[in-house]
Amino acid sequence: MKELTPNTPVIVGIGFAQETSEDPRQCAEAWQLMARAVRRAAADAGSEALLAQIESISVPKGMWEYRNPGKLVGDALGCPSARSILSDLGVLQLTLLSDLCRAIAADEQHVGVITGGEAKFRALRGTITGQPVADTEQPEGTPPPEVHHTSSDRWASDLESRAGLAGPVELFAIIESSLRHAQGLDVEAHRDRIAQLYSRFSEVAAANPHAWRREAFGAQAIRDASPRNAMLSFPYTKRHSSQWNVNQAVAFMVCSAARAAQLAPARDGWIFPVAATQSKHVVPLAQQRKLHSHPGTVLAGERVLALAGISVRDVDAAELYSCFPAAIQSFAADLKLPPTLPWTVTGAMPFAGGPYNSFSLEGVARMVEVLRGGGTERRIGLVSNLSGIFGKQACALFSNLPGADGYRYEDLTAAVAARDLPLPLDGDYVGPATVVGYTVVFAGGNPSHAIAICDTPGGARTVVRGEDRGLLDAMTREEFCGRLVQVAGAALRP
């Protein structure tokens, strides 16, 4: 390993915490799981002394209601003066890591921890068993986090919301139909392909000691609806979808190389954040020019590789954001990943577990494990992250060897905004329109309604809803993307 500058950021320890007991009274709540994960990260680094040295505790907001989760964790770990940082839903999860790495590279701090987690399975089991469990309630006088990253960006436009299009599974299913059309696959062949893809992911999860569901599923068990695998939004079943009912937390310790050499000198376990990029430019799905391909992803991928001075063929493994199949496939296509490159090291969110707003942290920690032990041979891992419905994108590169130019970061928001111009919306359009993406939403095992995003002849977009049973059946058997349909009063006519 080359001589390091003292302020080189390095991940020195990772920690995982998980509880699968079906007795909710035996399970910890989310902040306790996070504190446990941080302790394990310090132990992994080989130095309990790191806990007292923590200067910042960064946490992405979960489904819990803690006023200041970083304070709960810091008080429990014996570092109550650590700066508490909280980021809301809508803030890219990898932002916390890039902010910490930049602070270390600028010599503004030396030790920080990032942690996130959920205990939704605990709460679910409490409801099912009639033994409700409570979370810690911090009193009103609790000081707020020293840093609170917020986001006011909406997931969907007003037009999408009026059509009833607001749930992530429906929005990503529409992206999936656009991917299918772009790939030139028929409906059944496409269903086979994504089922086979997710079957392989379940095998990765089965080999991941930190996965929530360590069970390999055959393609048919993922593809087709069953009593335990409901069709949610065609072509997505429950097993295509992120599993957020987990008791799961993760943490990683990031230090300056100088402090790491003092407190965690076992360099074999060090992994270096090499480069990161992000775009915070948001365009609602209905206004995106290509539903299945995103300028922010393309540019984030190109720039992160350029900052690291490598090509995509130098990457050994990837952890692509995997809330639904469309996310992981779109990332792979836009990043131009070689077909031999693994797309996940965790097993993806339906199988590894998808804690609400912290799964990318799970991906980083697992990537650290995968990259360790490389010796003098360079190994590189890529982790991607999105927020909203591909409204924001981020990429980060990690290696067992430091980057030639230290840690590099670039915010691409302005550059992406210059390329990614939203299409106008027309909610009053009547007449012929061309379907660019659609889904059929299911309720109680039966088709409920269809939602389609369409191009109008005048160059605008409209979002329409259809409820005719014959139309719904046809839309699950035939390709409607690229088809001319009739629109009247925001309704899709058979």
Protein backbone atom coordinates (compact mmCIF):
# COMPACT_ATOMS: atom_id res chain seq x y z
CA MET A 1 0.00 0.00 0.00
CA LYS A 2 1.33 3.43 -0.92
CA GLU A 3 2.06 6.05 1.71
CA LEU A 4 -1.20 7.71 2.71
CA THR A 5 -1.83 11.36 3.34
CA PRO A 6 -3.02 11.76 6.95
CA ASN A 7 -6.52 12.93 5.95
CA THR A 8 -7.32 10.07 3.55
CA PRO A 9 -10.81 8.73 4.43
CA VAL A 10 -10.86 5.01 5.21
CA ILE A 11 -13.61 2.64 6.33
CA VAL A 12 -12.02 0.76 9.24
CA GLY A 13 -14.96 -1.22 10.62
CA ILE A 14 -18.44 -2.45 9.75
CA GLY A 15 -21.19 -3.87 11.92
CA PHE A 16 -24.50 -5.61 11.30
CA ALA A 17 -27.36 -6.27 13.72
CA GLN A 18 -30.40 -8.42 13.05
CA GLU A 19 -33.15 -10.08 15.09
CA THR A 20 -35.58 -12.60 13.61
CA SER A 21 -37.46 -13.67 16.76
CA GLU A 22 -41.22 -13.75 16.26
CA ASP A 23 -41.72 -12.71 19.87
CA PRO A 24 -41.79 -8.90 19.73
CA ARG A 25 -40.98 -8.64 23.43
CA GLN A 26 -37.61 -10.26 22.76
CA CYS A 27 -36.59 -7.78 20.06
CA ALA A 28 -34.77 -4.48 20.34
CA GLU A 29 -36.13 -1.29 18.81
CA ALA A 30 -34.46 0.46 15.90
CA TRP A 31 -32.08 2.77 17.75
CA GLN A 32 -30.89 -0.10 19.93
CA LEU A 33 -30.13 -2.17 16.84
CA MET A 34 -28.18 0.78 15.43
CA ALA A 35 -26.16 1.15 18.64
CA ARG A 36 -25.42 -2.58 18.54
CA ALA A 37 -24.25 -2.29 14.92
CA VAL A 38 -21.93 0.60 15.82
CA ARG A 39 -20.39 -1.41 18.66
CA ARG A 40 -19.78 -4.26 16.25
CA ALA A 41 -18.21 -1.87 13.74
CA ALA A 42 -15.73 -0.74 16.40
CA ALA A 43 -15.02 -4.37 17.32
CA ASP A 44 -14.55 -5.18 13.64
CA ALA A 45 -11.99 -2.37 13.45
CA GLY A 46 -10.23 -3.97 16.39
CA SER A 47 -10.61 -0.99 18.71
CA GLU A 48 -13.36 -0.35 21.26
CA ALA A 49 -11.49 2.92 21.89
CA LEU A 50 -12.95 4.21 18.62
CA LEU A 51 -16.36 4.62 20.28
CA ALA A 52 -15.15 7.42 22.55
CA GLN A 53 -13.49 9.10 19.55
CA ILE A 54 -16.66 9.39 17.43
CA GLU A 55 -17.18 13.00 16.37
CA SER A 56 -20.37 12.55 14.32
CA ILE A 57 -23.22 10.05 14.11
CA SER A 58 -25.13 10.18 10.81
CA VAL A 59 -28.53 8.49 10.48
CA PRO A 60 -30.98 8.41 7.55
CA LYS A 61 -34.60 8.86 8.71
CA GLY A 62 -36.54 5.63 9.07
CA MET A 63 -40.14 4.70 9.75
CA TRP A 64 -39.56 5.42 13.44
CA GLU A 65 -40.35 8.76 15.08
CA TYR A 66 -37.24 9.50 17.15
CA ARG A 67 -36.59 13.22 17.46
CA ASN A 68 -32.82 12.76 17.52
CA PRO A 69 -31.68 9.18 16.88
CA GLY A 70 -28.01 10.15 16.80
CA LYS A 71 -28.25 11.37 20.41
CA LEU A 72 -29.83 8.09 21.53
CA VAL A 73 -27.01 6.15 19.90
CA GLY A 74 -24.28 8.50 21.13
CA ASP A 75 -25.49 8.47 24.72
CA ALA A 76 -25.60 4.65 24.69
CA LEU A 77 -22.08 4.38 23.25
CA GLY A 78 -20.40 6.84 25.58
CA CYS A 79 -19.85 9.62 23.04
CA PRO A 80 -22.63 12.07 24.00
CA SER A 81 -20.81 15.05 22.49
CA ALA A 82 -20.77 13.53 19.00
CA ARG A 83 -22.51 15.72 16.45
CA SER A 84 -25.89 14.24 15.46
CA ILE A 85 -26.77 14.29 11.76
CA LEU A 86 -30.19 13.27 10.41
CA SER A 87 -31.24 13.04 6.75
CA ASP A 88 -34.88 12.81 5.71
CA LEU A 89 -36.50 10.57 3.15
CA GLY A 90 -35.76 12.08 -0.25
CA VAL A 91 -32.10 12.75 0.58
CA LEU A 92 -29.78 10.31 -1.17
CA GLN A 93 -28.54 7.79 1.39
CA LEU A 94 -25.00 7.95 0.04
CA THR A 95 -24.94 11.70 0.76
CA LEU A 96 -24.14 10.95 4.40
CA LEU A 97 -21.05 9.01 3.37
CA SER A 98 -19.82 11.57 0.85
CA ASP A 99 -20.32 14.39 3.37
CA LEU A 100 -18.29 12.52 6.00
CA CYS A 101 -15.52 11.62 3.57
CA ARG A 102 -15.27 15.21 2.39
CA ALA A 103 -15.08 16.47 5.98
CA ILE A 104 -12.24 14.04 6.72
CA ALA A 105 -10.43 14.87 3.48
CA ALA A 106 -10.68 18.58 4.38
CA ASP A 107 -9.17 17.80 7.81
CA GLU A 108 -12.35 19.00 9.54
CA GLN A 109 -12.83 15.79 11.54
CA HIS A 110 -11.14 12.43 12.07
CA VAL A 111 -13.74 9.82 13.14
CA GLY A 112 -17.38 9.46 12.16
CA VAL A 113 -19.98 6.72 12.05
CA ILE A 114 -22.94 6.21 9.74
CA THR A 115 -25.74 3.93 10.87
CA GLY A 116 -29.32 3.12 9.93
CA GLY A 117 -31.93 0.54 10.71
CA GLU A 118 -35.51 -0.50 11.27
CA ALA A 119 -37.51 -2.71 13.62
CA LYS A 120 -40.67 -3.02 11.51
CA PHE A 121 -40.81 -6.81 11.93
CA ARG A 122 -40.94 -6.26 15.70
CA ALA A 123 -43.88 -3.89 15.28
CA LEU A 124 -45.62 -6.22 12.82
CA ARG A 125 -45.29 -9.18 15.16
CA GLY A 126 -46.62 -7.03 17.98
CA THR A 127 -49.76 -6.36 15.96
CA ILE A 128 -50.17 -9.97 14.85
CA THR A 129 -49.69 -11.43 18.33
CA GLY A 130 -51.70 -8.78 20.15
CA GLN A 131 -48.60 -7.73 22.08
CA PRO A 132 -47.95 -4.20 20.83
CA VAL A 133 -44.49 -2.81 21.51
CA ALA A 134 -43.53 0.80 22.05
CA ASP A 135 -40.53 2.79 20.87
CA THR A 136 -38.54 5.19 23.01
CA GLU A 137 -40.14 8.65 23.07
CA GLN A 138 -37.61 11.39 23.46
CA PRO A 139 -39.07 14.30 25.46
CA GLU A 140 -39.97 17.59 23.79
CA GLY A 141 -36.91 19.24 25.31
CA THR A 142 -34.58 16.90 23.44
CA PRO A 143 -32.20 19.02 21.36
CA PRO A 144 -32.65 18.60 17.61
CA PRO A 145 -29.88 17.10 15.49
CA GLU A 146 -27.03 19.53 14.90
CA VAL A 147 -27.44 18.88 11.17
CA HIS A 148 -30.78 18.01 9.57
CA HIS A 149 -30.86 17.38 5.81
CA THR A 150 -34.38 17.86 4.45
CA SER A 151 -36.03 17.39 1.07
CA SER A 152 -39.23 18.95 -0.27
CA ASP A 153 -39.17 17.10 -3.60
CA ARG A 154 -42.33 15.15 -4.42
CA TRP A 155 -42.39 11.61 -5.77
CA ALA A 156 -45.16 12.31 -8.29
CA SER A 157 -46.70 15.23 -10.16
CA ASP A 158 -50.24 16.43 -9.42
CA LEU A 159 -51.39 14.80 -12.65
CA GLU A 160 -49.97 11.44 -11.60
CA SER A 161 -51.56 11.76 -8.17
CA ARG A 162 -54.98 12.61 -9.63
CA ALA A 163 -54.81 9.41 -11.66
CA GLY A 164 -54.08 7.48 -8.46
CA LEU A 165 -50.43 6.96 -9.30
CA ALA A 166 -48.41 7.52 -6.15
CA GLY A 167 -47.17 4.18 -4.79
CA PRO A 168 -43.56 3.20 -5.58
CA VAL A 169 -44.52 -0.30 -6.76
CA GLU A 170 -46.88 1.17 -9.37
CA LEU A 171 -44.44 3.81 -10.55
CA PHE A 172 -41.57 1.33 -10.91
CA ALA A 173 -43.87 -1.17 -12.66
CA ILE A 174 -44.51 1.52 -15.26
CA ILE A 175 -40.75 1.95 -15.69
CA GLU A 176 -40.55 -1.85 -16.06
CA SER A 177 -42.98 -1.80 -18.98
CA SER A 178 -40.83 0.82 -20.71
CA LEU A 179 -37.74 -1.34 -20.18
CA ARG A 180 -39.57 -4.34 -21.62
CA HIS A 181 -40.58 -2.39 -24.71
CA ALA A 182 -37.05 -1.04 -25.20
CA GLN A 183 -35.64 -4.58 -24.95
CA GLY A 184 -38.10 -5.84 -27.57
CA LEU A 185 -39.43 -8.62 -25.34
CA ASP A 186 -43.01 -9.86 -25.30
CA VAL A 187 -44.89 -9.82 -22.01
CA GLU A 188 -44.37 -13.48 -21.09
CA ALA A 189 -40.68 -13.59 -22.05
CA HIS A 190 -40.08 -10.47 -20.03
CA ARG A 191 -41.81 -11.94 -16.96
CA ASP A 192 -39.56 -14.99 -17.30
CA ARG A 193 -36.44 -12.82 -17.53
CA ILE A 194 -37.04 -10.74 -14.39
CA ALA A 195 -38.09 -13.86 -12.45
CA GLN A 196 -34.86 -15.60 -13.43
CA LEU A 197 -32.89 -12.47 -12.49
CA TYR A 198 -34.45 -12.35 -9.04
CA SER A 199 -34.06 -16.08 -8.56
CA ARG A 200 -30.30 -15.56 -8.98
CA PHE A 201 -30.43 -12.68 -6.50
CA SER A 202 -32.14 -14.92 -3.95
CA GLU A 203 -29.20 -17.32 -4.31
CA VAL A 204 -26.81 -14.45 -3.51
CA ALA A 205 -28.89 -13.60 -0.44
CA ALA A 206 -28.83 -17.23 0.67
CA ALA A 207 -25.02 -16.98 0.79
CA ASN A 208 -25.02 -13.59 2.54
CA PRO A 209 -24.76 -14.10 6.32
CA HIS A 210 -26.51 -10.76 6.93
CA ALA A 211 -29.51 -11.31 4.61
CA TRP A 212 -32.99 -11.23 6.11
CA ARG A 213 -34.25 -14.11 3.97
CA ARG A 214 -31.56 -16.73 3.33
CA GLU A 215 -33.64 -18.89 1.03
CA ALA A 216 -33.19 -19.46 -2.68
CA PHE A 217 -36.39 -19.18 -4.72
CA GLY A 218 -37.02 -20.70 -8.11
CA ALA A 219 -38.04 -18.37 -10.92
CA GLN A 220 -41.62 -19.67 -11.00
CA ALA A 221 -42.10 -18.95 -7.29
CA ILE A 222 -41.17 -15.30 -7.95
CA ARG A 223 -42.90 -14.82 -11.28
CA ASP A 224 -46.40 -16.11 -10.56
CA ALA A 225 -48.95 -14.97 -8.03
CA SER A 226 -49.79 -17.31 -5.16
CA PRO A 227 -51.37 -17.02 -1.70
CA ARG A 228 -47.94 -16.03 -0.29
CA ASN A 229 -46.84 -14.04 -3.33
CA ALA A 230 -49.58 -11.63 -4.34
CA MET A 231 -49.53 -9.78 -7.64
CA LEU A 232 -49.17 -6.13 -6.65
CA SER A 233 -48.74 -4.10 -9.82
CA PHE A 234 -48.23 -6.03 -13.03
CA PRO A 235 -45.74 -7.56 -13.64
CA TYR A 236 -44.55 -7.23 -10.03
CA THR A 237 -45.41 -9.73 -7.34
CA LYS A 238 -44.53 -9.37 -3.68
CA ARG A 239 -41.22 -11.21 -4.24
CA HIS A 240 -40.17 -8.58 -6.78
CA SER A 241 -40.62 -5.89 -4.12
CA SER A 242 -38.49 -4.55 -1.30
CA GLN A 243 -39.06 -6.26 2.06
CA TRP A 244 -39.10 -3.52 4.68
CA ASN A 245 -40.61 -5.54 7.53
CA VAL A 246 -37.21 -6.31 9.01
CA ASN A 247 -35.36 -5.94 12.30
CA GLN A 248 -32.07 -4.90 10.82
CA ALA A 249 -29.35 -2.30 11.30
CA VAL A 250 -25.92 -1.57 9.89
CA ALA A 251 -23.04 0.77 10.71
CA PHE A 252 -19.60 1.65 9.42
CA MET A 253 -16.78 3.64 10.96
CA VAL A 254 -14.87 6.09 8.77
CA CYS A 255 -11.58 7.58 9.98
CA SER A 256 -8.75 9.66 8.67
CA ALA A 257 -5.78 7.46 7.82
CA ALA A 258 -3.78 9.12 10.61
CA ARG A 259 -6.38 8.35 13.28
CA ALA A 260 -6.93 4.87 11.87
CA ALA A 261 -3.22 4.14 12.15
CA GLN A 262 -3.39 5.05 15.84
CA LEU A 263 -6.61 3.25 16.80
CA ALA A 264 -7.26 0.58 14.15
CA PRO A 265 -3.86 -0.31 12.70
CA ALA A 266 -4.91 -3.64 11.09
CA ARG A 267 -4.76 -2.38 7.52
CA ASP A 268 -5.98 -5.65 5.99
CA GLY A 269 -9.50 -4.62 6.91
CA TRP A 270 -9.32 -1.07 5.59
CA ILE A 271 -11.42 -0.16 2.57
CA PHE A 272 -11.09 3.20 0.85
CA PRO A 273 -13.93 5.34 -0.51
CA VAL A 274 -12.35 6.39 -3.81
CA ALA A 275 -14.88 8.62 -5.56
CA ALA A 276 -18.53 9.64 -5.43
CA THR A 277 -20.99 11.56 -7.56
CA GLN A 278 -24.59 12.59 -7.11
CA SER A 279 -27.38 14.45 -8.86
CA LYS A 280 -30.27 16.02 -6.94
CA HIS A 281 -32.15 17.16 -10.05
CA VAL A 282 -35.74 15.87 -9.89
CA VAL A 283 -38.12 15.26 -12.79
CA PRO A 284 -41.41 13.45 -12.03
CA LEU A 285 -41.74 10.15 -13.86
CA ALA A 286 -44.50 11.31 -16.22
CA GLN A 287 -42.26 14.15 -17.43
CA GLN A 288 -39.12 12.07 -17.99
CA ARG A 289 -38.26 11.77 -21.68
CA LYS A 290 -37.27 8.12 -21.34
CA LEU A 291 -38.94 6.32 -18.49
CA HIS A 292 -36.33 3.56 -18.42
CA SER A 293 -33.12 5.59 -18.85
CA HIS A 294 -31.95 8.59 -16.85
CA PRO A 295 -29.39 11.28 -17.73
CA GLY A 296 -28.51 11.60 -14.03
CA THR A 297 -27.50 7.94 -13.84
CA VAL A 298 -25.51 8.10 -17.07
CA LEU A 299 -23.59 11.19 -16.02
CA ALA A 300 -23.06 9.99 -12.43
CA GLY A 301 -21.56 6.76 -13.77
CA GLU A 302 -19.33 8.44 -16.31
CA ARG A 303 -18.02 11.02 -13.84
CA VAL A 304 -17.38 8.67 -10.92
CA LEU A 305 -15.24 6.46 -13.15
CA ALA A 306 -13.40 9.49 -14.51
CA LEU A 307 -12.75 10.83 -11.00
CA ALA A 308 -11.30 7.47 -10.02
CA GLY A 309 -9.25 7.22 -13.22
CA ILE A 310 -10.69 3.82 -14.18
CA SER A 311 -13.05 2.25 -16.69
CA VAL A 312 -16.19 0.27 -15.96
CA ARG A 313 -14.28 -2.92 -16.79
CA ASP A 314 -12.04 -2.29 -13.79
CA VAL A 315 -15.03 -2.73 -11.46
CA ASP A 316 -15.18 -6.17 -9.81
CA ALA A 317 -18.62 -6.07 -8.18
CA ALA A 318 -21.65 -3.80 -7.91
CA GLU A 319 -24.49 -3.25 -5.50
CA LEU A 320 -27.17 -1.56 -7.57
CA TYR A 321 -30.19 -0.09 -5.83
CA SER A 322 -32.84 -2.79 -5.95
CA CYS A 323 -36.19 -1.65 -4.56
CA PHE A 324 -37.81 -3.16 -7.69
CA PRO A 325 -36.42 -4.92 -10.78
CA ALA A 326 -36.70 -1.77 -12.93
CA ALA A 327 -34.29 0.09 -10.65
CA ILE A 328 -31.51 -2.44 -10.82
CA GLN A 329 -31.93 -3.06 -14.58
CA SER A 330 -32.01 0.64 -15.41
CA PHE A 331 -28.86 1.29 -13.38
CA ALA A 332 -27.08 -1.62 -15.08
CA ALA A 333 -28.01 -0.39 -18.56
CA ASP A 334 -27.22 3.29 -17.95
CA LEU A 335 -23.91 2.48 -16.26
CA LYS A 336 -23.02 0.13 -19.15
CA LEU A 337 -22.00 -2.65 -16.79
CA PRO A 338 -20.43 -5.71 -18.44
CA PRO A 339 -22.71 -8.78 -18.40
CA THR A 340 -20.21 -10.70 -16.24
CA LEU A 341 -20.24 -8.12 -13.42
CA PRO A 342 -22.36 -9.10 -10.39
CA TRP A 343 -25.22 -6.60 -9.93
CA THR A 344 -25.65 -7.33 -6.22
CA VAL A 345 -23.46 -8.54 -3.37
CA THR A 346 -26.27 -8.47 -0.80
CA GLY A 347 -28.94 -10.40 -2.69
CA ALA A 348 -31.12 -7.29 -3.26
CA MET A 349 -33.83 -5.71 -1.15
CA PRO A 350 -36.58 -8.35 -1.47
CA PHE A 351 -34.28 -11.04 -0.05
CA ALA A 352 -31.43 -9.31 1.82
CA GLY A 353 -34.02 -7.08 3.47
CA GLY A 354 -34.85 -3.50 2.58
CA PRO A 355 -34.94 -1.29 5.69
CA TYR A 356 -36.99 1.72 4.63
CA ASN A 357 -34.36 4.37 4.06
CA SER A 358 -30.98 2.80 4.81
CA PHE A 359 -30.46 -0.13 2.43
CA SER A 360 -27.62 1.58 0.57
CA LEU A 361 -25.71 1.55 3.86
CA GLU A 362 -26.23 -2.23 3.97
CA GLY A 363 -24.84 -2.35 0.43
CA VAL A 364 -21.73 -0.35 1.37
CA ALA A 365 -21.00 -2.53 4.41
CA ARG A 366 -21.43 -5.76 2.48
CA MET A 367 -19.23 -4.37 -0.32
CA VAL A 368 -16.53 -3.72 2.30
CA GLU A 369 -16.63 -7.42 3.20
CA VAL A 370 -16.43 -8.47 -0.44
CA LEU A 371 -13.44 -6.21 -1.17
CA ARG A 372 -11.39 -7.17 1.87
CA GLY A 373 -8.51 -9.57 1.60
CA GLY A 374 -7.39 -8.48 -1.85
CA GLY A 375 -3.77 -8.06 -0.83
CA THR A 376 -1.82 -5.97 -3.32
CA GLU A 377 -4.20 -6.72 -6.17
CA ARG A 378 -6.63 -3.85 -6.61
CA ARG A 379 -10.31 -4.67 -6.21
CA ILE A 380 -13.05 -2.13 -6.88
CA GLY A 381 -16.74 -2.11 -5.94
CA LEU A 382 -19.52 0.22 -7.11
CA VAL A 383 -22.60 1.10 -5.05
CA SER A 384 -25.50 3.03 -6.59
CA ASN A 385 -28.40 4.78 -4.94
CA LEU A 386 -31.55 6.55 -6.04
CA SER A 387 -34.16 8.65 -4.30
CA GLY A 388 -37.76 9.03 -5.30
CA ILE A 389 -38.68 7.55 -8.67
CA PHE A 390 -35.24 7.91 -10.20
CA GLY A 391 -35.50 11.60 -9.33
CA LYS A 392 -32.00 11.63 -7.81
CA GLN A 393 -29.03 9.37 -8.43
CA ALA A 394 -25.69 8.67 -6.78
CA CYS A 395 -22.70 6.40 -7.41
CA ALA A 396 -19.76 5.61 -5.15
CA LEU A 397 -16.59 3.58 -5.73
CA PHE A 398 -14.67 1.67 -3.07
CA SER A 399 -11.37 -0.21 -3.17
CA ASN A 400 -8.98 -2.16 -1.00
CA LEU A 401 -6.31 0.27 -2.24
CA PRO A 402 -6.47 4.08 -2.00
CA GLY A 403 -7.27 6.22 -5.01
CA ALA A 404 -4.32 7.70 -6.86
CA ASP A 405 -5.62 11.24 -6.25
CA GLY A 406 -7.18 10.73 -2.84
CA TYR A 407 -10.93 10.92 -2.32
CA ARG A 408 -12.82 12.64 -5.16
CA TYR A 409 -16.40 13.96 -5.18
CA GLU A 410 -18.58 15.88 -7.61
CA ASP A 411 -22.14 17.23 -7.40
CA LEU A 412 -23.66 16.91 -10.86
CA THR A 413 -27.04 18.51 -10.19
CA ALA A 414 -26.55 21.52 -12.46
CA ALA A 415 -25.06 19.47 -15.30
CA VAL A 416 -27.92 16.98 -15.18
CA ALA A 417 -30.53 19.73 -15.04
CA ALA A 418 -29.10 21.16 -18.26
CA ARG A 419 -29.63 17.81 -20.00
CA ASP A 420 -32.77 16.46 -18.35
CA LEU A 421 -35.51 18.87 -19.41
CA PRO A 422 -39.03 17.86 -18.29
CA LEU A 423 -41.79 17.36 -20.81
CA PRO A 424 -44.95 19.43 -20.34
CA LEU A 425 -48.06 17.79 -18.89
CA ASP A 426 -51.59 18.03 -20.28
CA GLY A 427 -54.26 16.76 -17.92
CA ASP A 428 -57.12 17.92 -20.12
CA TYR A 429 -56.10 16.18 -23.32
CA VAL A 430 -58.74 14.32 -25.34
CA GLY A 431 -57.91 12.25 -28.38
CA PRO A 432 -55.38 9.68 -29.59
CA ALA A 433 -52.19 9.19 -27.56
CA THR A 434 -49.29 6.73 -27.56
CA VAL A 435 -48.58 4.66 -24.45
CA VAL A 436 -44.98 5.01 -23.20
CA GLY A 437 -45.44 3.08 -19.96
CA TYR A 438 -48.23 1.43 -17.99
CA THR A 439 -49.21 -1.03 -15.29
CA VAL A 440 -52.26 -2.91 -14.07
CA VAL A 441 -52.78 -2.51 -10.34
CA PHE A 442 -54.13 -5.47 -8.37
CA ALA A 443 -56.25 -5.50 -5.21
CA GLY A 444 -57.27 -8.66 -3.39
CA GLY A 445 -55.72 -10.80 -6.10
CA ASN A 446 -57.76 -9.24 -8.91
CA PRO A 447 -57.02 -6.50 -11.47
CA SER A 448 -58.33 -3.20 -10.13
CA HIS A 449 -57.32 -0.58 -12.69
CA ALA A 450 -54.68 0.38 -15.20
CA ILE A 451 -52.60 3.53 -15.26
CA ALA A 452 -50.75 4.63 -18.38
CA ILE A 453 -48.37 7.48 -19.18
CA CYS A 454 -48.92 8.61 -22.77
CA ASP A 455 -47.44 10.93 -25.39
CA THR A 456 -49.86 13.33 -27.02
CA PRO A 457 -49.43 14.37 -30.67
CA GLY A 458 -48.49 17.88 -29.50
CA GLY A 459 -45.44 16.70 -27.57
CA ALA A 460 -46.95 16.76 -24.08
CA ARG A 461 -47.54 13.91 -21.66
CA THR A 462 -50.78 12.82 -20.05
CA VAL A 463 -51.58 10.25 -17.38
CA VAL A 464 -54.75 8.21 -17.73
CA ARG A 465 -56.64 5.53 -15.85
CA GLY A 466 -58.69 2.63 -17.19
CA GLU A 467 -61.03 0.22 -15.40
CA ASP A 468 -62.61 -1.83 -18.19
CA ARG A 469 -62.10 -5.51 -17.25
CA GLY A 470 -61.42 -6.63 -20.80
CA LEU A 471 -58.83 -3.88 -21.21
CA LEU A 472 -57.10 -4.85 -17.96
CA ASP A 473 -56.88 -8.48 -19.00
CA ALA A 474 -55.44 -7.50 -22.39
CA MET A 475 -52.83 -5.26 -20.78
CA THR A 476 -51.44 -8.20 -18.79
CA ARG A 477 -51.18 -10.38 -21.92
CA GLU A 478 -50.25 -7.97 -24.73
CA GLU A 479 -47.73 -5.16 -25.12
CA PHE A 480 -49.42 -1.76 -24.90
CA CYS A 481 -46.25 0.36 -24.92
CA GLY A 482 -46.04 2.02 -28.33
CA ARG A 483 -49.75 1.43 -28.94
CA LEU A 484 -52.14 4.20 -29.96
CA VAL A 485 -55.05 4.50 -27.52
CA GLN A 486 -57.96 6.87 -27.02
CA VAL A 487 -57.98 9.31 -24.10
CA ALA A 488 -61.08 11.12 -22.86
CA GLY A 489 -61.42 12.94 -19.57
CA ALA A 490 -58.20 11.42 -18.16
CA ALA A 491 -59.67 7.97 -18.87
CA LEU A 492 -58.17 5.24 -21.01
CA ARG A 493 -60.76 3.85 -23.41
CA PRO A 494 -60.78 0.22 -24.61
